[in-house]
N, C-alpha and C. Protein backbone atom coordinates (compact mmCIF):
# COMPACT_ATOMS: atom_id res chain seq x y z
N MET A 1 -182.45 55.66 -18.26
CA MET A 1 -182.60 55.30 -19.39
C MET A 1 -182.74 53.76 -19.39
N LYS A 2 -182.74 52.84 -20.76
CA LYS A 2 -183.15 51.02 -20.67
C LYS A 2 -183.08 51.22 -21.60
N LYS A 3 -182.12 50.09 -21.92
CA LYS A 3 -181.88 49.53 -23.48
C LYS A 3 -181.41 47.74 -22.75
N ILE A 4 -182.45 46.91 -23.84
CA ILE A 4 -181.65 45.40 -23.77
C ILE A 4 -180.69 44.87 -24.44
N ILE A 5 -179.81 44.14 -24.20
CA ILE A 5 -179.10 43.77 -24.58
C ILE A 5 -178.75 41.83 -24.53
N GLU A 6 -178.89 41.22 -25.09
CA GLU A 6 -179.07 39.80 -25.23
C GLU A 6 -180.51 39.10 -24.42
N GLY A 7 -181.54 40.23 -24.93
CA GLY A 7 -182.10 39.23 -23.73
C GLY A 7 -182.91 40.22 -22.08
N LYS A 8 -181.25 40.92 -21.73
CA LYS A 8 -181.63 41.20 -20.49
C LYS A 8 -181.77 42.90 -21.00
N ILE A 9 -182.39 43.20 -19.38
CA ILE A 9 -182.74 44.72 -19.45
C ILE A 9 -182.18 45.26 -18.27
N TYR A 10 -181.59 46.37 -19.03
CA TYR A 10 -180.36 47.09 -18.07
C TYR A 10 -180.98 48.45 -17.92
N ASN A 11 -181.82 49.08 -16.59
CA ASN A 11 -182.74 50.18 -16.85
C ASN A 11 -181.72 51.16 -15.70
N THR A 12 -181.41 51.81 -15.81
CA THR A 12 -181.00 52.91 -14.47
C THR A 12 -181.82 53.55 -13.93
N GLU A 13 -183.44 53.30 -14.14
CA GLU A 13 -184.04 53.68 -13.19
C GLU A 13 -184.21 52.74 -12.16
N THR A 14 -183.82 51.71 -12.44
CA THR A 14 -184.25 49.98 -10.88
C THR A 14 -183.15 49.56 -10.79
N ALA A 15 -181.48 50.51 -11.32
CA ALA A 15 -180.39 49.42 -10.84
C ALA A 15 -179.15 50.39 -10.03
N ILE A 16 -178.86 50.01 -9.19
CA ILE A 16 -178.33 50.69 -7.92
C ILE A 16 -177.37 51.75 -8.55
N LEU A 17 -176.70 53.08 -8.58
CA LEU A 17 -175.81 53.67 -8.93
C LEU A 17 -174.76 53.14 -7.91
N LEU A 18 -173.72 53.05 -8.49
CA LEU A 18 -172.56 52.57 -7.25
C LEU A 18 -171.13 53.75 -7.60
N GLY A 19 -171.27 54.67 -9.29
CA GLY A 19 -170.47 55.19 -8.81
C GLY A 19 -170.98 56.67 -10.87
N GLU A 20 -170.32 58.17 -10.06
CA GLU A 20 -170.58 58.06 -11.12
C GLU A 20 -169.22 59.69 -11.41
N TYR A 21 -168.99 59.93 -12.71
CA TYR A 21 -168.83 60.98 -13.41
C TYR A 21 -168.93 61.91 -13.80
N SER A 22 -168.54 63.46 -14.13
CA SER A 22 -169.01 64.30 -15.19
C SER A 22 -167.76 65.19 -14.87
N ASN A 23 -167.21 65.78 -16.40
CA ASN A 23 -166.24 66.56 -16.53
C ASN A 23 -166.34 68.08 -16.46
N GLY A 24 -167.41 68.74 -16.30
CA GLY A 24 -168.54 70.02 -14.95
C GLY A 24 -168.68 70.29 -16.38
N LEU A 25 -168.75 69.79 -17.49
CA LEU A 25 -168.79 70.59 -18.74
C LEU A 25 -170.70 70.90 -19.00
N SER A 26 -170.77 71.60 -20.06
CA SER A 26 -172.65 71.94 -20.01
C SER A 26 -172.71 70.86 -20.97
N HIS A 27 -174.31 70.41 -21.43
CA HIS A 27 -174.01 69.33 -22.03
C HIS A 27 -174.29 70.09 -23.82
N SER A 28 -174.11 71.48 -23.92
CA SER A 28 -174.24 71.95 -25.11
C SER A 28 -172.61 72.25 -24.93
N ASP A 29 -172.09 71.41 -24.88
CA ASP A 29 -170.23 72.19 -25.04
C ASP A 29 -169.88 70.99 -25.15
N ALA A 30 -169.12 70.58 -27.23
CA ALA A 30 -168.74 69.04 -27.80
C ALA A 30 -167.98 68.40 -26.36
N ARG A 31 -167.60 68.29 -25.45
CA ARG A 31 -166.49 67.65 -24.96
C ARG A 31 -167.39 67.54 -23.47
N PHE A 32 -168.43 67.46 -23.41
CA PHE A 32 -169.28 66.96 -22.53
C PHE A 32 -169.06 65.18 -22.37
N LEU A 33 -169.00 64.70 -20.85
CA LEU A 33 -168.78 63.90 -21.16
C LEU A 33 -169.27 63.62 -19.64
N GLU A 34 -170.39 62.70 -19.70
CA GLU A 34 -171.12 61.64 -18.13
C GLU A 34 -170.66 60.41 -17.66
N GLU A 35 -170.79 59.94 -16.71
CA GLU A 35 -170.60 58.55 -16.70
C GLU A 35 -170.85 57.66 -15.67
N ALA A 36 -171.67 56.47 -15.75
CA ALA A 36 -172.39 56.48 -14.13
C ALA A 36 -172.29 55.17 -14.08
N VAL A 37 -171.73 54.22 -12.66
CA VAL A 37 -171.33 52.49 -13.01
C VAL A 37 -172.49 51.69 -12.29
N TYR A 38 -173.47 51.19 -13.04
CA TYR A 38 -174.78 50.58 -12.52
C TYR A 38 -174.58 49.35 -12.39
N VAL A 39 -175.36 48.18 -10.70
CA VAL A 39 -175.33 46.68 -10.68
C VAL A 39 -177.06 46.71 -10.76
N THR A 40 -176.74 45.85 -11.21
CA THR A 40 -178.75 45.42 -10.99
C THR A 40 -178.91 44.75 -10.26
N LYS A 41 -180.58 44.35 -9.79
CA LYS A 41 -180.89 43.51 -9.14
C LYS A 41 -180.36 42.39 -8.44
N LYS A 42 -180.00 41.85 -10.03
CA LYS A 42 -179.64 40.07 -10.09
C LYS A 42 -177.91 40.20 -10.12
N GLY A 43 -177.78 41.50 -9.72
CA GLY A 43 -175.69 41.46 -10.23
C GLY A 43 -174.89 41.33 -11.40
N ALA A 44 -175.65 42.20 -12.36
CA ALA A 44 -174.75 42.41 -13.74
C ALA A 44 -174.45 43.74 -13.70
N TYR A 45 -173.59 43.92 -13.89
CA TYR A 45 -172.75 45.31 -13.84
C TYR A 45 -173.21 46.21 -15.50
N PHE A 46 -173.48 47.64 -15.53
CA PHE A 46 -173.51 48.04 -16.85
C PHE A 46 -172.69 49.86 -16.45
N LEU A 47 -172.90 49.89 -17.50
CA LEU A 47 -171.99 51.45 -17.43
C LEU A 47 -173.14 52.63 -18.85
N TYR A 48 -173.62 53.52 -17.73
CA TYR A 48 -174.23 54.89 -18.20
C TYR A 48 -173.37 55.48 -19.05
N GLY A 49 -173.32 55.98 -20.17
CA GLY A 49 -172.52 56.62 -21.27
C GLY A 49 -173.40 57.81 -21.51
N ALA A 50 -172.82 59.24 -21.84
CA ALA A 50 -172.99 59.95 -22.60
C ALA A 50 -172.16 61.66 -22.67
N GLY A 51 -172.46 61.90 -23.76
CA GLY A 51 -171.30 63.01 -24.01
C GLY A 51 -171.75 63.55 -25.69
N GLY A 52 -170.75 64.63 -25.84
CA GLY A 52 -171.05 65.04 -26.98
C GLY A 52 -170.11 64.86 -28.01
N VAL A 53 -170.37 66.07 -28.86
CA VAL A 53 -169.15 65.34 -30.43
C VAL A 53 -167.72 65.11 -30.65
N MET A 54 -167.42 65.84 -29.47
CA MET A 54 -165.81 65.42 -28.96
C MET A 54 -165.44 64.46 -28.16
N THR A 55 -166.23 63.19 -28.21
CA THR A 55 -166.23 62.67 -27.18
C THR A 55 -166.29 60.85 -27.55
N LYS A 56 -166.21 59.42 -26.81
CA LYS A 56 -166.19 58.73 -27.42
C LYS A 56 -167.36 58.54 -27.47
N TYR A 57 -168.25 58.61 -27.05
CA TYR A 57 -170.15 59.03 -27.46
C TYR A 57 -170.67 59.47 -28.42
N MET A 58 -169.29 60.35 -29.69
CA MET A 58 -170.07 60.66 -30.59
C MET A 58 -170.31 59.60 -32.01
N GLU A 59 -171.76 59.62 -32.41
CA GLU A 59 -171.80 58.83 -33.46
C GLU A 59 -171.90 60.13 -34.99
N ARG A 60 -171.57 58.88 -35.65
CA ARG A 60 -171.73 60.06 -37.38
C ARG A 60 -172.65 58.96 -38.42
N ALA A 61 -172.82 59.73 -39.22
CA ALA A 61 -173.70 59.89 -40.19
C ALA A 61 -173.48 60.46 -41.32
N GLY A 62 -172.06 60.42 -42.22
CA GLY A 62 -171.91 61.27 -43.70
C GLY A 62 -171.03 62.20 -42.99
N ASN A 63 -172.00 63.20 -43.35
CA ASN A 63 -170.67 64.70 -42.81
C ASN A 63 -171.79 64.80 -41.71
N THR A 64 -172.67 64.57 -40.90
CA THR A 64 -173.05 64.86 -39.57
C THR A 64 -172.40 63.78 -38.63
N SER A 65 -172.93 64.80 -37.42
CA SER A 65 -171.99 63.64 -35.65
C SER A 65 -172.93 64.75 -34.95
N TRP A 66 -173.51 63.92 -34.22
CA TRP A 66 -174.19 64.04 -32.91
C TRP A 66 -172.87 63.57 -31.68
N GLY A 67 -174.09 64.17 -30.28
CA GLY A 67 -173.67 62.90 -28.87
C GLY A 67 -174.58 62.16 -28.93
N THR A 68 -174.08 61.36 -28.22
CA THR A 68 -175.32 60.04 -28.33
C THR A 68 -175.35 59.97 -26.47
N SER A 69 -175.96 59.11 -25.78
CA SER A 69 -175.94 58.22 -25.07
C SER A 69 -176.47 57.18 -24.91
N THR A 70 -175.53 56.14 -24.15
CA THR A 70 -175.64 54.32 -24.56
C THR A 70 -175.73 53.54 -22.94
N ILE A 71 -175.96 52.56 -23.06
CA ILE A 71 -175.41 50.87 -21.75
C ILE A 71 -174.55 50.15 -22.76
N THR A 72 -173.18 50.43 -22.12
CA THR A 72 -172.47 49.32 -22.31
C THR A 72 -172.66 48.46 -21.30
N VAL A 73 -172.68 47.20 -21.42
CA VAL A 73 -172.22 45.37 -20.14
C VAL A 73 -170.95 46.30 -19.68
N LEU A 74 -170.60 45.53 -18.55
CA LEU A 74 -169.19 46.03 -18.07
C LEU A 74 -169.46 44.07 -16.95
N THR A 75 -168.22 43.59 -17.13
CA THR A 75 -168.07 43.01 -15.69
C THR A 75 -167.80 43.30 -14.55
N GLU A 76 -167.92 41.83 -13.44
CA GLU A 76 -166.70 42.70 -12.85
C GLU A 76 -165.81 43.86 -11.86
N GLU A 77 -164.82 43.22 -13.01
CA GLU A 77 -163.34 43.21 -12.65
C GLU A 77 -163.54 44.77 -13.43
N GLU A 78 -164.25 45.55 -14.93
CA GLU A 78 -164.58 46.46 -15.46
C GLU A 78 -164.60 47.35 -14.69
N ALA A 79 -165.88 46.82 -14.36
CA ALA A 79 -166.43 48.41 -12.99
C ALA A 79 -165.71 48.05 -12.37
N TYR A 80 -164.95 47.80 -11.87
CA TYR A 80 -163.90 47.52 -10.67
C TYR A 80 -162.89 48.41 -11.26
N LYS A 81 -162.78 48.58 -12.35
CA LYS A 81 -161.48 49.64 -12.63
C LYS A 81 -161.92 50.94 -13.00
N TRP A 82 -163.01 50.98 -13.48
CA TRP A 82 -163.44 52.22 -13.26
C TRP A 82 -163.95 52.76 -12.45
N LEU A 83 -164.53 52.54 -11.28
CA LEU A 83 -164.45 52.78 -10.25
C LEU A 83 -163.31 53.13 -9.16
N GLU A 84 -162.10 52.15 -9.20
CA GLU A 84 -161.06 53.01 -8.78
C GLU A 84 -160.44 54.00 -9.59
N LYS A 85 -160.59 53.69 -10.97
CA LYS A 85 -160.00 54.96 -12.01
C LYS A 85 -160.69 56.58 -11.47
N HIS A 86 -161.96 56.38 -11.44
CA HIS A 86 -162.21 57.69 -10.40
C HIS A 86 -162.49 58.11 -9.13
N ASN A 87 -161.63 57.18 -8.26
CA ASN A 87 -161.33 57.71 -6.91
C ASN A 87 -162.54 56.71 -5.88
N LYS A 88 -163.35 55.91 -6.44
CA LYS A 88 -164.66 55.90 -5.57
C LYS A 88 -164.14 54.22 -4.95
N TRP A 89 -163.91 55.20 -3.55
CA TRP A 89 -163.08 54.37 -2.45
C TRP A 89 -163.97 53.77 -1.64
N GLN A 90 -165.02 54.26 -1.42
CA GLN A 90 -166.11 54.51 -0.42
C GLN A 90 -166.36 53.12 -0.93
N VAL A 91 -166.97 52.92 -2.70
CA VAL A 91 -168.55 51.54 -2.69
C VAL A 91 -166.97 50.14 -2.69
N ILE A 92 -166.22 50.84 -3.62
CA ILE A 92 -164.71 48.95 -3.74
C ILE A 92 -164.85 49.13 -2.70
N GLU A 93 -164.31 49.98 -1.23
CA GLU A 93 -164.44 48.93 0.36
C GLU A 93 -165.20 48.16 0.44
N GLU A 94 -166.93 48.55 -0.12
CA GLU A 94 -167.70 47.98 0.47
C GLU A 94 -168.15 46.71 -0.84
N ARG A 95 -168.40 46.49 -2.02
CA ARG A 95 -168.46 46.08 -2.65
C ARG A 95 -167.39 44.23 -3.66
N PHE A 96 -166.20 45.39 -3.35
CA PHE A 96 -165.22 45.36 -3.91
C PHE A 96 -163.86 44.66 -2.88
N SER A 97 -163.99 44.17 -1.64
CA SER A 97 -163.02 44.17 -0.78
C SER A 97 -162.06 43.13 -1.02
N SER A 98 -162.42 42.33 -2.37
CA SER A 98 -161.87 40.87 -2.81
C SER A 98 -160.56 41.86 -3.42
N TYR A 99 -161.19 42.26 -4.18
CA TYR A 99 -159.77 42.98 -5.23
C TYR A 99 -158.39 44.15 -4.36
N ILE A 100 -158.89 44.64 -3.12
CA ILE A 100 -158.43 45.19 -2.58
C ILE A 100 -157.90 44.95 -1.81
N GLU A 101 -156.26 44.84 -1.27
CA GLU A 101 -155.50 45.00 0.58
C GLU A 101 -155.00 46.25 0.49
N GLU A 102 -154.18 45.92 1.73
CA GLU A 102 -153.88 47.36 2.90
C GLU A 102 -151.98 47.26 1.36
N ALA A 103 -151.57 48.46 1.91
CA ALA A 103 -150.57 48.57 1.30
C ALA A 103 -149.41 47.81 2.51
């Protein structure tokens, strides 16, 4: 997917995938959800998300609703928090070592 936000191109085909999550449901399921965090070659973070009509990716017009996909720009900290939430510890250790310390 490709999206231009404030004059900058965010492209899942050319960016580096840092981590992804899927709830495992079929794309035809209203609760289907998948997300992935990327970083561009210039160091900008973004979230690709897609979901069914019973997810935060639902869009509505009048009495009709549908699932959709989108790209959302993230700060470095937001990217880190998403990766932490989804237990992507290897990527965190490699790219976000300043955010963590030994317990």
